[in-house]
Amino acid sequence: VIKGKLAFVTIMRGCNNFCTFCVVPYTRGRERSRPVSSIITEIHHLAEKGIQEVTLLGQNVNSYIHEDSDFTDLIRVILKETQIQRLRFTSPHPMDFPEKLLNLMAEEKRFCSHIHLPLQSGNTEVLKRMKRGYSREDFLQLVMTIRENIPGVGLTTDIITGFSGETDDEFNDTLSLVREVQFDMAYMFKYSEREKTVASRSYPDDVPEEVKLERLNTLIQLQNQISKDVNASEVGNLHEIMIEGLSRRSKEHSSGRTCSNKVVIIPGIYEPGSFVSALIGDSTSATLFGKVQ
């Protein structure tokens, strides 16, 4: 999929994790990784078309494996053999995140310092019922490791409220973890049972709809405030941004993203795919506003 000077490249299909709420392993099958050579050829073709940024896609990209090459090996080859200026990926699984991937991200400027790390719940018992394969403590340790390796990294996540059996105390664990981690942004949903999943067979959808919605609204309010505070801390910082196009709200402004995946609006019209340095002067919960230096 191509969008302006950005493109999305699928490196694998399917999933082996069988999280109890998820239907992907049943609809898309088990994990199948593409050959490295096939991925490199596709990215070469994209670069020839003027693509500057590629996002690698997979249900669990960090479990990519083809012959002797794992996900970190794939990233190294892409950076070495292609001219792509920015490389991103989504989504990894917190259960098996290799530290050598973090080291590579810290070393390589073209490997963007943004990680979308799906949490789903901040309570260990709920995570067990979801069959996520990690505990609350495991997740917090991973976040600490990521931030120690990559200062200024952008962290985003997915969270579900009202999963089967979720109590008020278990939901409060999610709120406290969100406060502790301070995600840049989160995709937040109330639990919706899916046919053919383990949860639909083994766990009753027993949290009342109004409770799910109330918890979701509470979580959204908290995350919006955190996003506002995180973005406000960027005021005064200088960022290299890649221009993606005109601002949605003004044809006299351009929109781009930082390496850590924050949206920046700047005055003036700039060529999509070009890189500019912007000094951040203002912010909202969703957007940074800067001036070109």
Protein backbone atom coordinates (compact mmCIF):
# COMPACT_ATOMS: atom_id res chain seq x y z
CA VAL A 1 0.00 0.00 0.00
CA ILE A 2 1.40 3.40 -1.04
CA LYS A 3 0.37 6.69 0.56
CA GLY A 4 2.26 9.68 -0.82
CA LYS A 5 5.94 9.08 -0.05
CA LEU A 6 5.09 6.36 2.47
CA ALA A 7 4.47 2.67 1.84
CA PHE A 8 3.43 -0.38 3.84
CA VAL A 9 5.07 -3.74 3.19
CA THR A 10 3.65 -6.98 4.59
CA ILE A 11 6.50 -9.22 5.73
CA MET A 12 4.45 -12.04 7.23
CA ARG A 13 0.88 -13.28 7.57
CA GLY A 14 -1.04 -15.16 10.23
CA CYS A 15 -0.34 -15.56 13.94
CA ASN A 16 0.69 -18.36 16.31
CA ASN A 17 -0.23 -16.68 19.61
CA PHE A 18 -3.95 -17.50 19.91
CA CYS A 19 -4.83 -14.68 22.31
CA THR A 20 -8.25 -15.66 23.60
CA PHE A 21 -10.01 -12.51 22.33
CA CYS A 22 -8.51 -12.60 18.83
CA VAL A 23 -9.81 -14.27 15.68
CA VAL A 24 -6.72 -13.72 13.50
CA PRO A 25 -5.19 -17.23 13.83
CA TYR A 26 -8.52 -18.69 12.70
CA THR A 27 -9.08 -16.32 9.78
CA ARG A 28 -5.49 -15.89 8.55
CA GLY A 29 -3.86 -19.12 9.66
CA ARG A 30 -0.47 -19.77 11.23
CA GLU A 31 2.53 -17.50 10.79
CA ARG A 32 4.16 -17.48 7.37
CA SER A 33 7.16 -15.23 6.74
CA ARG A 34 8.19 -13.94 3.33
CA PRO A 35 11.73 -14.53 2.05
CA VAL A 36 14.16 -11.69 2.76
CA SER A 37 14.97 -11.40 -0.96
CA SER A 38 11.30 -10.89 -1.84
CA ILE A 39 10.94 -8.10 0.72
CA ILE A 40 14.15 -6.40 -0.44
CA THR A 41 13.00 -6.53 -4.08
CA GLU A 42 9.67 -4.92 -3.17
CA ILE A 43 11.38 -2.14 -1.19
CA HIS A 44 13.81 -1.50 -4.09
CA HIS A 45 10.83 -1.02 -6.39
CA LEU A 46 9.20 1.35 -3.91
CA ALA A 47 12.40 3.38 -3.59
CA GLU A 48 12.58 3.67 -7.38
CA LYS A 49 9.09 5.23 -7.24
CA GLY A 50 10.30 7.87 -4.77
CA ILE A 51 9.10 6.25 -1.55
CA GLN A 52 11.05 7.62 1.41
CA GLU A 53 9.50 5.71 4.31
CA VAL A 54 8.44 2.07 4.67
CA THR A 55 6.44 0.48 7.48
CA LEU A 56 6.83 -3.29 7.83
CA LEU A 57 3.57 -5.03 8.68
CA GLY A 58 2.73 -8.26 10.46
CA GLN A 59 0.41 -9.47 13.20
CA ASN A 60 3.53 -10.12 15.27
CA VAL A 61 6.50 -8.77 13.33
CA ASN A 62 9.13 -9.64 15.91
CA SER A 63 8.41 -13.35 15.39
CA TYR A 64 9.44 -13.01 11.71
CA ILE A 65 11.72 -15.88 10.75
CA HIS A 66 12.73 -17.12 7.30
CA GLU A 67 15.45 -19.74 7.02
CA ASP A 68 18.24 -18.32 9.22
CA SER A 69 17.05 -14.69 9.25
CA ASP A 70 15.05 -13.25 12.13
CA PHE A 71 13.39 -9.83 12.34
CA THR A 72 16.54 -7.98 13.42
CA ASP A 73 18.49 -9.59 10.56
CA LEU A 74 15.79 -8.45 8.13
CA ILE A 75 16.01 -4.86 9.39
CA ARG A 76 19.81 -4.89 9.03
CA VAL A 77 19.59 -6.09 5.43
CA ILE A 78 16.95 -3.49 4.51
CA LEU A 79 19.08 -0.68 5.97
CA LYS A 80 22.21 -1.97 4.23
CA GLU A 81 20.81 -2.81 0.80
CA THR A 82 18.11 -0.16 0.19
CA GLN A 83 17.97 3.62 0.08
CA ILE A 84 14.83 3.95 2.20
CA GLN A 85 15.30 6.95 4.49
CA ARG A 86 12.94 5.86 7.26
CA LEU A 87 11.96 2.39 8.39
CA ARG A 88 9.13 1.58 10.82
CA PHE A 89 7.26 -1.56 11.86
CA THR A 90 4.01 -2.67 13.49
CA SER A 91 3.04 -4.50 15.54
CA PRO A 92 5.45 -6.40 17.80
CA HIS A 93 4.38 -8.58 20.74
CA PRO A 94 5.64 -7.70 24.25
CA MET A 95 6.12 -11.42 24.97
CA ASP A 96 9.20 -11.92 22.79
CA PHE A 97 10.82 -8.55 22.13
CA PRO A 98 14.53 -9.03 21.30
CA GLU A 99 16.94 -6.59 22.95
CA LYS A 100 19.20 -6.72 19.90
CA LEU A 101 16.37 -5.05 17.97
CA LEU A 102 16.43 -2.18 20.48
CA ASN A 103 20.19 -1.89 20.12
CA LEU A 104 19.81 -1.62 16.34
CA MET A 105 17.13 1.05 16.71
CA ALA A 106 19.43 3.02 19.00
CA GLU A 107 22.33 2.74 16.53
CA GLU A 108 20.58 3.44 13.23
CA LYS A 109 19.11 6.88 12.54
CA ARG A 110 17.02 5.53 9.63
CA PHE A 111 15.38 2.94 11.92
CA CYS A 112 12.72 5.15 13.50
CA SER A 113 12.52 5.34 17.28
CA HIS A 114 8.85 4.50 17.65
CA ILE A 115 7.42 1.26 19.03
CA HIS A 116 3.74 0.34 19.06
CA LEU A 117 3.57 -2.05 21.99
CA PRO A 118 0.09 -3.55 22.53
CA LEU A 119 -0.67 -3.77 26.26
CA GLN A 120 -4.36 -4.87 26.22
CA SER A 121 -4.58 -4.86 30.04
CA GLY A 122 -2.48 -3.72 32.98
CA ASN A 123 -3.59 -6.55 35.24
CA THR A 124 -1.75 -9.89 35.29
CA GLU A 125 -4.84 -12.03 35.88
CA VAL A 126 -6.67 -10.42 32.94
CA LEU A 127 -3.56 -10.91 30.81
CA LYS A 128 -3.63 -14.61 31.75
CA ARG A 129 -7.27 -14.89 30.68
CA MET A 130 -6.32 -13.13 27.44
CA LYS A 131 -3.39 -15.58 27.05
CA ARG A 132 -0.97 -12.75 26.35
CA GLY A 133 2.10 -14.55 27.67
CA TYR A 134 3.44 -11.75 29.90
CA SER A 135 2.60 -10.20 33.25
CA ARG A 136 2.13 -6.59 34.30
CA GLU A 137 5.67 -6.68 35.73
CA ASP A 138 7.09 -8.14 32.48
CA PHE A 139 5.53 -5.30 30.49
CA LEU A 140 6.86 -2.60 32.82
CA GLN A 141 10.34 -4.17 32.70
CA LEU A 142 10.25 -4.17 28.90
CA VAL A 143 9.22 -0.49 28.83
CA MET A 144 12.11 0.34 31.18
CA THR A 145 14.54 -1.59 28.96
CA ILE A 146 13.25 0.17 25.84
CA ARG A 147 13.63 3.62 27.39
CA GLU A 148 17.09 2.83 28.75
CA ASN A 149 18.22 1.81 25.27
CA ILE A 150 16.42 4.49 23.24
CA PRO A 151 16.04 7.91 24.89
CA GLY A 152 13.15 9.86 23.38
CA VAL A 153 11.48 6.76 21.94
CA GLY A 154 7.80 7.11 21.03
CA LEU A 155 5.62 4.50 22.72
CA THR A 156 2.03 3.80 21.66
CA THR A 157 -0.28 0.95 22.59
CA ASP A 158 -3.64 -0.87 22.34
CA ILE A 159 -5.89 -1.35 25.39
CA ILE A 160 -9.16 -3.24 25.88
CA THR A 161 -11.59 -2.42 28.69
CA GLY A 162 -14.24 -4.81 30.03
CA PHE A 163 -12.71 -8.13 29.03
CA SER A 164 -14.42 -11.17 30.56
CA GLY A 165 -14.39 -11.09 34.36
CA GLU A 166 -12.61 -7.72 34.62
CA THR A 167 -13.23 -6.28 38.08
CA ASP A 168 -12.95 -2.66 39.18
CA ASP A 169 -9.59 -3.44 40.82
CA GLU A 170 -8.29 -5.12 37.66
CA PHE A 171 -9.35 -2.12 35.57
CA ASN A 172 -7.67 0.21 38.08
CA ASP A 173 -4.44 -1.73 37.47
CA THR A 174 -4.71 -0.75 33.81
CA LEU A 175 -5.17 2.92 34.77
CA SER A 176 -2.18 2.85 37.12
CA LEU A 177 0.05 1.22 34.49
CA VAL A 178 -1.00 3.81 31.90
CA ARG A 179 -0.10 6.56 34.38
CA GLU A 180 3.27 4.94 35.05
CA VAL A 181 4.26 4.29 31.44
CA GLN A 182 3.02 7.61 29.98
CA PHE A 183 2.27 6.37 26.46
CA ASP A 184 2.41 8.96 23.69
CA MET A 185 -0.92 7.69 22.38
CA ALA A 186 -3.23 4.68 22.71
CA TYR A 187 -5.88 2.94 20.65
CA MET A 188 -8.58 2.14 23.21
CA PHE A 189 -11.56 -0.17 22.81
CA LYS A 190 -14.27 -1.80 24.88
CA TYR A 191 -14.30 -5.56 24.65
CA SER A 192 -16.46 -7.00 21.89
CA GLU A 193 -16.78 -10.77 21.77
CA ARG A 194 -15.78 -12.39 18.47
CA GLU A 195 -17.12 -15.70 17.19
CA LYS A 196 -14.70 -18.64 16.94
CA THR A 197 -12.33 -17.21 19.57
CA VAL A 198 -11.36 -19.09 22.73
CA ALA A 199 -12.95 -16.33 24.79
CA SER A 200 -16.30 -16.83 23.08
CA ARG A 201 -16.23 -20.51 24.06
CA SER A 202 -14.57 -20.37 27.47
CA TYR A 203 -15.22 -16.97 29.04
CA PRO A 204 -18.61 -15.30 29.51
CA ASP A 205 -18.97 -11.77 28.16
CA ASP A 206 -20.08 -10.75 31.65
CA VAL A 207 -19.05 -7.12 32.09
CA PRO A 208 -22.17 -4.98 31.52
CA GLU A 209 -22.04 -2.80 28.40
CA GLU A 210 -22.50 0.39 30.42
CA VAL A 211 -19.57 -0.58 32.66
CA LYS A 212 -17.35 -1.29 29.64
CA LEU A 213 -18.24 2.12 28.21
CA GLU A 214 -17.71 3.93 31.51
CA ARG A 215 -14.29 2.35 31.91
CA LEU A 216 -13.40 3.17 28.31
CA ASN A 217 -14.35 6.82 28.78
CA THR A 218 -12.32 7.00 32.00
CA LEU A 219 -9.30 5.52 30.19
CA ILE A 220 -9.68 7.88 27.23
CA GLN A 221 -9.81 10.93 29.51
CA LEU A 222 -6.65 9.77 31.31
CA GLN A 223 -4.74 9.02 28.10
CA ASN A 224 -5.79 12.33 26.49
CA GLN A 225 -4.33 14.21 29.44
CA ILE A 226 -1.13 12.14 29.32
CA SER A 227 -0.81 12.74 25.55
CA LYS A 228 -1.29 16.46 26.14
CA ASP A 229 1.43 16.49 28.81
CA VAL A 230 3.84 14.36 26.77
CA ASN A 231 3.45 16.64 23.75
CA ALA A 232 3.79 19.79 25.90
CA SER A 233 7.19 18.48 27.01
CA GLU A 234 8.33 18.68 23.37
CA VAL A 235 7.96 22.48 23.24
CA GLY A 236 11.40 23.97 22.71
CA ASN A 237 12.80 20.80 21.12
CA LEU A 238 14.16 20.58 17.58
CA HIS A 239 12.95 17.69 15.43
CA GLU A 240 13.70 16.49 11.93
CA ILE A 241 10.36 15.78 10.30
CA MET A 242 9.48 14.13 7.02
CA ILE A 243 6.78 16.04 5.16
CA GLU A 244 3.74 13.91 4.34
CA GLY A 245 1.58 16.57 2.71
CA LEU A 246 -0.59 19.57 3.46
CA SER A 247 -2.22 20.02 6.84
CA ARG A 248 -5.82 18.83 6.88
CA ARG A 249 -6.96 22.15 8.31
CA SER A 250 -4.93 24.61 6.26
CA LYS A 251 -3.58 24.59 2.71
CA GLU A 252 -0.93 27.07 3.87
CA HIS A 253 0.59 24.60 6.31
CA SER A 254 2.41 21.30 5.85
CA SER A 255 2.21 18.19 7.99
CA GLY A 256 4.99 15.77 8.81
CA ARG A 257 6.14 13.33 11.46
CA THR A 258 9.09 13.07 13.78
CA CYS A 259 11.20 9.94 13.98
CA SER A 260 9.23 9.07 17.13
CA ASN A 261 5.97 9.32 15.11
CA LYS A 262 4.59 12.59 16.44
CA VAL A 263 2.59 14.73 13.98
CA VAL A 264 4.06 18.20 13.42
CA ILE A 265 2.35 21.09 11.61
CA ILE A 266 4.55 23.82 10.14
CA PRO A 267 3.74 26.98 8.16
CA GLY A 268 4.51 26.89 4.45
CA ILE A 269 4.17 24.40 1.62
CA TYR A 270 6.87 21.74 1.36
CA GLU A 271 7.39 18.85 -1.01
CA PRO A 272 6.11 15.51 0.35
CA GLY A 273 9.06 13.31 1.20
CA SER A 274 11.35 16.22 2.00
CA PHE A 275 13.02 16.54 5.39
CA VAL A 276 13.05 19.74 7.43
CA SER A 277 14.11 20.71 10.96
CA ALA A 278 11.31 22.19 13.03
CA LEU A 279 11.50 23.93 16.39
CA ILE A 280 8.40 23.00 18.40
CA GLY A 281 6.56 26.04 19.72
CA ASP A 282 3.14 24.72 20.74
CA SER A 283 1.19 21.50 21.16
CA THR A 284 -2.14 19.78 21.73
CA SER A 285 -2.85 16.21 22.85
CA ALA A 286 -2.58 15.03 19.23
CA THR A 287 -0.29 17.47 17.42
CA LEU A 288 2.91 19.49 17.67
CA PHE A 289 3.27 22.90 16.00
CA GLY A 290 6.66 24.09 14.85
CA LYS A 291 8.61 26.52 12.72
CA VAL A 292 11.28 25.51 10.21
CA GLN A 293 14.81 26.32 11.29
